[in-house]
C-alpha atoms as a PDB file:
ATOM      1  CA  MET A   1      84.212 132.972 109.959  1.00  0.00           C
ATOM      2  CA  SER A   2      87.906 132.908 109.204  1.00  0.00           C
ATOM      3  CA  PHE A   3      90.432 130.939 111.213  1.00  0.00           C
ATOM      4  CA  ASP A   4      93.957 129.663 110.884  1.00  0.00           C
ATOM      5  CA  PHE A   5      94.385 126.517 108.758  1.00  0.00           C
ATOM      6  CA  ARG A   6      96.919 125.194 111.300  1.00  0.00           C
ATOM      7  CA  LEU A   7      94.198 125.322 113.939  1.00  0.00           C
ATOM      8  CA  ALA A   8      91.856 123.501 111.556  1.00  0.00           C
ATOM      9  CA  SER A   9      94.506 120.836 111.061  1.00  0.00           C
ATOM     10  CA  ARG A  10      95.031 120.396 114.801  1.00  0.00           C
ATOM     11  CA  LEU A  11      91.297 120.149 115.460  1.00  0.00           C
ATOM     12  CA  GLN A  12      90.903 117.615 112.665  1.00  0.00           C
ATOM     13  CA  SER A  13      93.807 115.629 114.109  1.00  0.00           C
ATOM     14  CA  LEU A  14      92.165 115.504 117.539  1.00  0.00           C
ATOM     15  CA  ILE A  15      88.901 114.318 116.005  1.00  0.00           C
ATOM     16  CA  TYR A  16      90.742 111.730 113.916  1.00  0.00           C
ATOM     17  CA  GLU A  17      92.570 110.274 116.928  1.00  0.00           C
ATOM     18  CA  GLN A  18      89.266 109.764 118.781  1.00  0.00           C
ATOM     19  CA  LYS A  19      87.580 107.819 115.953  1.00  0.00           C
ATOM     20  CA  PRO A  20      87.158 104.102 116.658  1.00  0.00           C
ATOM     21  CA  VAL A  21      89.319 101.522 114.921  1.00  0.00           C
ATOM     22  CA  LEU A  22      88.670  97.792 114.889  1.00  0.00           C
ATOM     23  CA  VAL A  23      91.565  95.781 116.315  1.00  0.00           C
ATOM     24  CA  ARG A  24      92.073  92.046 116.876  1.00  0.00           C
ATOM     25  CA  PHE A  25      93.901  91.126 120.047  1.00  0.00           C
ATOM     26  CA  LYS A  26      96.934  88.863 119.713  1.00  0.00           C
ATOM     27  CA  ARG A  27      96.936  87.935 123.404  1.00  0.00           C
ATOM     28  CA  THR A  28      94.754  88.351 126.453  1.00  0.00           C
ATOM     29  CA  PHE A  29      94.785  91.926 127.739  1.00  0.00           C
ATOM     30  CA  TYR A  30      93.630  93.460 131.044  1.00  0.00           C
ATOM     31  CA  GLY A  31      92.651  97.013 131.915  1.00  0.00           C
ATOM     32  CA  LEU A  32      91.083  98.413 128.769  1.00  0.00           C
ATOM     33  CA  SER A  33      87.676  98.758 130.406  1.00  0.00           C
ATOM     34  CA  ASN A  34      89.133 101.849 132.126  1.00  0.00           C
ATOM     35  CA  TYR A  35      89.626 103.534 128.723  1.00  0.00           C
ATOM     36  CA  VAL A  36      86.825 102.179 126.546  1.00  0.00           C
ATOM     37  CA  GLN A  37      83.234 101.910 127.660  1.00  0.00           C
ATOM     38  CA  GLY A  38      81.551  98.610 126.937  1.00  0.00           C
ATOM     39  CA  LEU A  39      84.693  96.481 126.966  1.00  0.00           C
ATOM     40  CA  SER A  40      84.908  93.784 129.571  1.00  0.00           C
ATOM     41  CA  ASP A  41      88.076  92.644 131.300  1.00  0.00           C
ATOM     42  CA  PRO A  42      89.982  90.675 130.286  1.00  0.00           C
ATOM     43  CA  ILE A  43      89.864  90.859 126.507  1.00  0.00           C
ATOM     44  CA  GLU A  44      90.709  87.433 125.192  1.00  0.00           C
ATOM     45  CA  GLU A  45      93.110  86.581 122.388  1.00  0.00           C
ATOM     46  CA  ALA A  46      91.508  86.797 118.895  1.00  0.00           C
ATOM     47  CA  HIS A  47      88.697  89.037 120.223  1.00  0.00           C
ATOM     48  CA  GLU A  48      87.926  92.066 118.028  1.00  0.00           C
ATOM     49  CA  ALA A  49      87.009  95.402 119.563  1.00  0.00           C
ATOM     50  CA  SER A  50      86.605  99.023 118.502  1.00  0.00           C
ATOM     51  CA  VAL A  51      88.927 101.338 120.370  1.00  0.00           C
ATOM     52  CA  PRO A  52      89.946 104.978 119.798  1.00  0.00           C
ATOM     53  CA  ARG A  53      92.656 105.336 117.168  1.00  0.00           C
ATOM     54  CA  TRP A  54      95.189 106.705 119.676  1.00  0.00           C
ATOM     55  CA  LEU A  55      94.739 103.576 121.799  1.00  0.00           C
ATOM     56  CA  ALA A  56      94.820 101.255 118.784  1.00  0.00           C
ATOM     57  CA  LYS A  57      98.179 102.710 117.705  1.00  0.00           C
ATOM     58  CA  GLY A  58      99.659 101.963 121.122  1.00  0.00           C
ATOM     59  CA  LEU A  59      98.232  98.442 121.249  1.00  0.00           C
ATOM     60  CA  VAL A  60      99.534  97.638 117.767  1.00  0.00           C
ATOM     61  CA  ALA A  61     102.948  99.218 118.427  1.00  0.00           C
ATOM     62  CA  LYS A  62     103.376  97.138 121.610  1.00  0.00           C
ATOM     63  CA  GLY A  63     102.302  93.938 119.817  1.00  0.00           C
ATOM     64  CA  TYR A  64      99.106  93.379 121.834  1.00  0.00           C
ATOM     65  CA  ALA A  65      96.812  93.761 118.825  1.00  0.00           C
ATOM     66  CA  GLU A  66      96.693  94.123 115.066  1.00  0.00           C
ATOM     67  CA  TYR A  67      94.369  96.120 112.855  1.00  0.00           C
ATOM     68  CA  ALA A  68      91.396  93.946 111.861  1.00  0.00           C
ATOM     69  CA  THR A  69      91.246  95.586 108.428  1.00  0.00           C
ATOM     70  CA  PRO A  70      94.590  96.732 107.069  1.00  0.00           C
ATOM     71  CA  PRO A  71      94.559 100.262 105.635  1.00  0.00           C
ATOM     72  CA  VAL A  72      95.059 100.897 101.929  1.00  0.00           C
ATOM     73  CA  PRO A  73      98.764 101.527 101.346  1.00  0.00           C
ATOM     74  CA  VAL A  74      99.345 105.268 101.385  1.00  0.00           C
ATOM     75  CA  LYS A  75     101.317 105.283  98.126  1.00  0.00           C
ATOM     76  CA  GLN A  76      98.456 103.533  96.333  1.00  0.00           C
ATOM     77  CA  ARG A  77      95.885 105.858  97.890  1.00  0.00           C
ATOM     78  CA  LEU A  78      97.835 108.942  96.809  1.00  0.00           C
ATOM     79  CA  SER A  79      98.279 107.613  93.269  1.00  0.00           C
ATOM     80  CA  LYS A  80      94.529 107.083  92.981  1.00  0.00           C
ATOM     81  CA  SER A  81      93.795 110.548  94.391  1.00  0.00           C
ATOM     82  CA  ILE A  82      96.260 112.191  91.976  1.00  0.00           C
ATOM     83  CA  TRP A  83      94.708 110.363  89.035  1.00  0.00           C
ATOM     84  CA  GLN A  84      91.178 111.428  90.067  1.00  0.00           C
ATOM     85  CA  GLU A  85      92.216 115.080  90.446  1.00  0.00           C
ATOM     86  CA  GLU A  86      93.996 115.082  87.080  1.00  0.00           C
ATOM     87  CA  GLN A  87      90.978 113.590  85.304  1.00  0.00           C
ATOM     88  CA  SER A  88      88.595 116.316  86.432  1.00  0.00           C
ATOM     89  CA  ASN A  89      88.507 120.086  86.104  1.00  0.00           C
ATOM     90  CA  SER A  90      86.512 120.341  89.323  1.00  0.00           C
ATOM     91  CA  ILE A  91      87.894 119.639  92.755  1.00  0.00           C
ATOM     92  CA  GLN A  92      87.210 116.101  93.949  1.00  0.00           C
ATOM     93  CA  LYS A  93      85.659 115.315  97.333  1.00  0.00           C
ATOM     94  CA  ILE A  94      88.119 113.698  99.717  1.00  0.00           C
ATOM     95  CA  ASP A  95      87.790 112.358 103.226  1.00  0.00           C
ATOM     96  CA  PRO A  96      87.926 115.131 105.866  1.00  0.00           C
ATOM     97  CA  ASN A  97      90.710 113.140 107.572  1.00  0.00           C
ATOM     98  CA  PHE A  98      92.783 112.820 104.390  1.00  0.00           C
ATOM     99  CA  TYR A  99      95.749 114.996 105.435  1.00  0.00           C
ATOM    100  CA  VAL A 100      95.687 113.949 109.081  1.00  0.00           C
ATOM    101  CA  GLU A 101      95.764 110.287 108.083  1.00  0.00           C
ATOM    102  CA  LEU A 102      98.577 110.805 105.561  1.00  0.00           C
ATOM    103  CA  GLY A 103     100.543 112.845 108.073  1.00  0.00           C
ATOM    104  CA  SER A 104     100.183 110.082 110.631  1.00  0.00           C
ATOM    105  CA  VAL A 105     101.394 107.449 108.176  1.00  0.00           C
ATOM    106  CA  ILE A 106     104.355 109.581 107.075  1.00  0.00           C
ATOM    107  CA  VAL A 107     105.363 110.251 110.679  1.00  0.00           C
ATOM    108  CA  ASP A 108     105.203 106.493 111.351  1.00  0.00           C
ATOM    109  CA  MET A 109     107.509 105.868 108.359  1.00  0.00           C
ATOM    110  CA  MET A 110     110.138 108.377 109.431  1.00  0.00           C
ATOM    111  CA  PRO A 111     111.588 106.750 112.557  1.00  0.00           C
ATOM    112  CA  LEU A 112     112.004 103.512 110.643  1.00  0.00           C
ATOM    113  CA  GLU A 113     113.620 105.377 107.741  1.00  0.00           C
ATOM    114  CA  ASP A 114     111.223 103.613 105.418  1.00  0.00           C
ATOM    115  CA  PRO A 115     112.467 103.910 101.814  1.00  0.00           C
ATOM    116  CA  ASN A 116     108.865 104.451 100.709  1.00  0.00           C
ATOM    117  CA  ALA A 117     108.733 107.688 102.724  1.00  0.00           C
ATOM    118  CA  VAL A 118     110.516 109.669  99.986  1.00  0.00           C
ATOM    119  CA  ALA A 119     108.145 108.330  97.317  1.00  0.00           C
ATOM    120  CA  VAL A 120     105.119 109.050  99.497  1.00  0.00           C
ATOM    121  CA  LYS A 121     106.303 112.618 100.178  1.00  0.00           C
ATOM    122  CA  SER A 122     106.834 113.173  96.462  1.00  0.00           C
ATOM    123  CA  LYS A 123     103.339 111.891  95.640  1.00  0.00           C
ATOM    124  CA  LEU A 124     101.860 114.041  98.398  1.00  0.00           C
ATOM    125  CA  GLN A 125     103.590 117.106  96.925  1.00  0.00           C
ATOM    126  CA  ASP A 126     102.153 116.251  93.485  1.00  0.00           C
ATOM    127  CA  PHE A 127      98.689 115.899  94.990  1.00  0.00           C
ATOM    128  CA  LEU A 128      99.002 119.185  96.891  1.00  0.00           C
ATOM    129  CA  ARG A 129     100.217 120.999  93.782  1.00  0.00           C
ATOM    130  CA  ILE A 130      97.091 119.948  91.883  1.00  0.00           C
ATOM    131  CA  ARG A 131      94.676 120.658  94.779  1.00  0.00           C
ATOM    132  CA  VAL A 132      96.165 124.046  95.673  1.00  0.00           C
ATOM    133  CA  LYS A 133      96.042 125.160  92.035  1.00  0.00           C
ATOM    134  CA  LYS A 134      92.324 124.302  91.859  1.00  0.00           C
ATOM    135  CA  ILE A 135      91.518 125.867  95.233  1.00  0.00           C
ATOM    136  CA  ARG A 136      93.463 129.014  94.356  1.00  0.00           C
ATOM    137  CA  ARG A 137      91.593 129.301  91.040  1.00  0.00           C
ATOM    138  CA  LEU A 138      88.265 128.967  92.862  1.00  0.00           C
ATOM    139  CA  ALA A 139      89.260 131.576  95.445  1.00  0.00           C
ATOM    140  CA  GLU A 140      90.170 134.046  92.700  1.00  0.00           C
ATOM    141  CA  THR A 141      86.914 133.720  90.794  1.00  0.00           C
ATOM    142  CA  LYS A 142      83.295 134.536  91.431  1.00  0.00           C
ATOM    143  CA  THR A 143      81.846 131.067  91.809  1.00  0.00           C
ATOM    144  CA  GLN A 144      79.116 129.293  93.671  1.00  0.00           C
ATOM    145  CA  MET A 145      80.377 127.922  96.947  1.00  0.00           C
ATOM    146  CA  ASP A 146      78.916 124.424  96.429  1.00  0.00           C
ATOM    147  CA  PHE A 147      82.433 123.010  96.007  1.00  0.00           C
ATOM    148  CA  LEU A 148      83.253 123.726  99.686  1.00  0.00           C
ATOM    149  CA  GLU A 149      81.780 120.367 100.703  1.00  0.00           C
ATOM    150  CA  SER A 150      84.561 118.705  98.684  1.00  0.00           C
ATOM    151  CA  LEU A 151      87.299 120.345 100.750  1.00  0.00           C
ATOM    152  CA  THR A 152      88.880 119.146 103.976  1.00  0.00           C
ATOM    153  CA  PRO A 153      88.650 121.473 107.006  1.00  0.00           C
ATOM    154  CA  GLU A 154      92.269 122.535 106.408  1.00  0.00           C
ATOM    155  CA  GLU A 155      91.534 123.338 102.773  1.00  0.00           C
ATOM    156  CA  LYS A 156      88.408 125.305 103.706  1.00  0.00           C
ATOM    157  CA  ALA A 157      90.402 127.418 106.136  1.00  0.00           C
ATOM    158  CA  TRP A 158      93.150 127.951 103.545  1.00  0.00           C
ATOM    159  CA  PHE A 159      90.551 128.832 100.875  1.00  0.00           C
ATOM    160  CA  ASP A 160      88.909 131.360 103.197  1.00  0.00           C
ATOM    161  CA  SER A 161      92.253 132.956 104.126  1.00  0.00           C
ATOM    162  CA  TYR A 162      93.484 133.081 100.529  1.00  0.00           C
ATOM    163  CA  ARG A 163      90.189 134.451  99.202  1.00  0.00           C
ATOM    164  CA  LYS A 164      90.179 137.186 101.843  1.00  0.00           C
ATOM    165  CA  LEU A 165      93.808 138.062 101.110  1.00  0.00           C
ATOM    166  CA  PHE A 166      93.139 138.126  97.373  1.00  0.00           C
ATOM    167  CA  GLN A 167      90.083 140.350  97.778  1.00  0.00           C
ATOM    168  CA  GLU A 168      91.963 142.717 100.075  1.00  0.00           C
ATOM    169  CA  TRP A 169      94.813 143.031  97.618  1.00  0.00           C
ATOM    170  CA  VAL A 170      92.777 143.474  94.441  1.00  0.00           C
ATOM    171  CA  GLU A 171      89.905 145.573  95.805  1.00  0.00           C
ATOM    172  CA  PRO A 172      91.514 148.273  97.971  1.00  0.00           C
ATOM    173  CA  SER A 173      90.381 151.827  97.252  1.00  0.00           C
ATOM    174  CA  TRP A 174      93.958 153.000  96.519  1.00  0.00           C
ATOM    175  CA  PHE A 175      94.220 150.386  93.760  1.00  0.00           C
ATOM    176  CA  THR A 176      90.800 151.017  92.211  1.00  0.00           C
ATOM    177  CA  GLY A 177      91.082 154.803  92.585  1.00  0.00           C
ATOM    178  CA  PHE A 178      94.598 155.070  91.234  1.00  0.00           C
ATOM    179  CA  HIS A 179      94.068 152.856  88.202  1.00  0.00           C
ATOM    180  CA  GLY A 180      90.360 153.566  87.655  1.00  0.00           C
ATOM    181  CA  PHE A 181      89.342 149.895  87.799  1.00  0.00           C
ATOM    182  CA  GLN A 182      85.953 148.809  89.033  1.00  0.00           C
ATOM    183  CA  SER A 183      85.885 147.137  92.455  1.00  0.00           C
ATOM    184  CA  GLU A 184      84.385 144.005  90.850  1.00  0.00           C
ATOM    185  CA  LEU A 185      87.516 143.484  88.708  1.00  0.00           C
ATOM    186  CA  TRP A 186      88.802 140.525  90.716  1.00  0.00           C
ATOM    187  CA  LEU A 187      85.542 138.685  90.143  1.00  0.00           C
ATOM    188  CA  ASP A 188      86.176 138.688  86.393  1.00  0.00           C
ATOM    189  CA  LEU A 189      89.652 137.124  86.656  1.00  0.00           C
ATOM    190  CA  ASP A 190      88.347 133.689  85.731  1.00  0.00           C
ATOM    191  CA  GLY A 191      91.594 131.894  85.416  1.00  0.00           C
END
C-alpha cells in the first residue's frame, strides 16, 4: 500500500508525542491524575513519574519538572549516525522516531536562536544525503526487501513512492516499444 510520506511523518509524530517519558518533579504539583492514569494527587517534589511526551514538554518548559534522563545531544547523535552510515554499504537501522525526535529538537532550538541549530541542520542534511542516496539506489534495483525493517516509516513511504515512480517511468510501453528495451531493464540498473 502506498501513502504520502508527509502523512507517515505526521502519524509517527503523533505516536512519538504519546510515548511516556520519565520526569522528576521540581516542586509539588496538583492535577496530573486527570491526564495520566495511575498518578496520585499531589505529586511531591523529587518524585519521578512517566508521563506522555507532550505533557513532559509542558512540565519541563514551565519549570515544574526536569527530564530524569537527559537525552543524548542531537549534534552528537547525528555525528554518530553519519559515521555509521558512511562505514557501511548497507542502510543502517535507526529508531522509527529518529526524524520526529530531531525535528522536535530543532524546533525547540529555533525560538531561542540557538547557535547550534545551524550546525545541527547541516549535520542533518549530511545524514539525509547519505540515507537518500542509499534508499534511492535500493529503489532502483531488484533487491530483497529485507532492508525495509531498517527504515523509518517516513523513509518506507518515500521508498515506496520513489520505487513506483521509477518503475512507471522506466517501464511504460511507449518507452519499451519505441526503444525496443525489455520491460525488466530497470531491474538491471544496479547502481
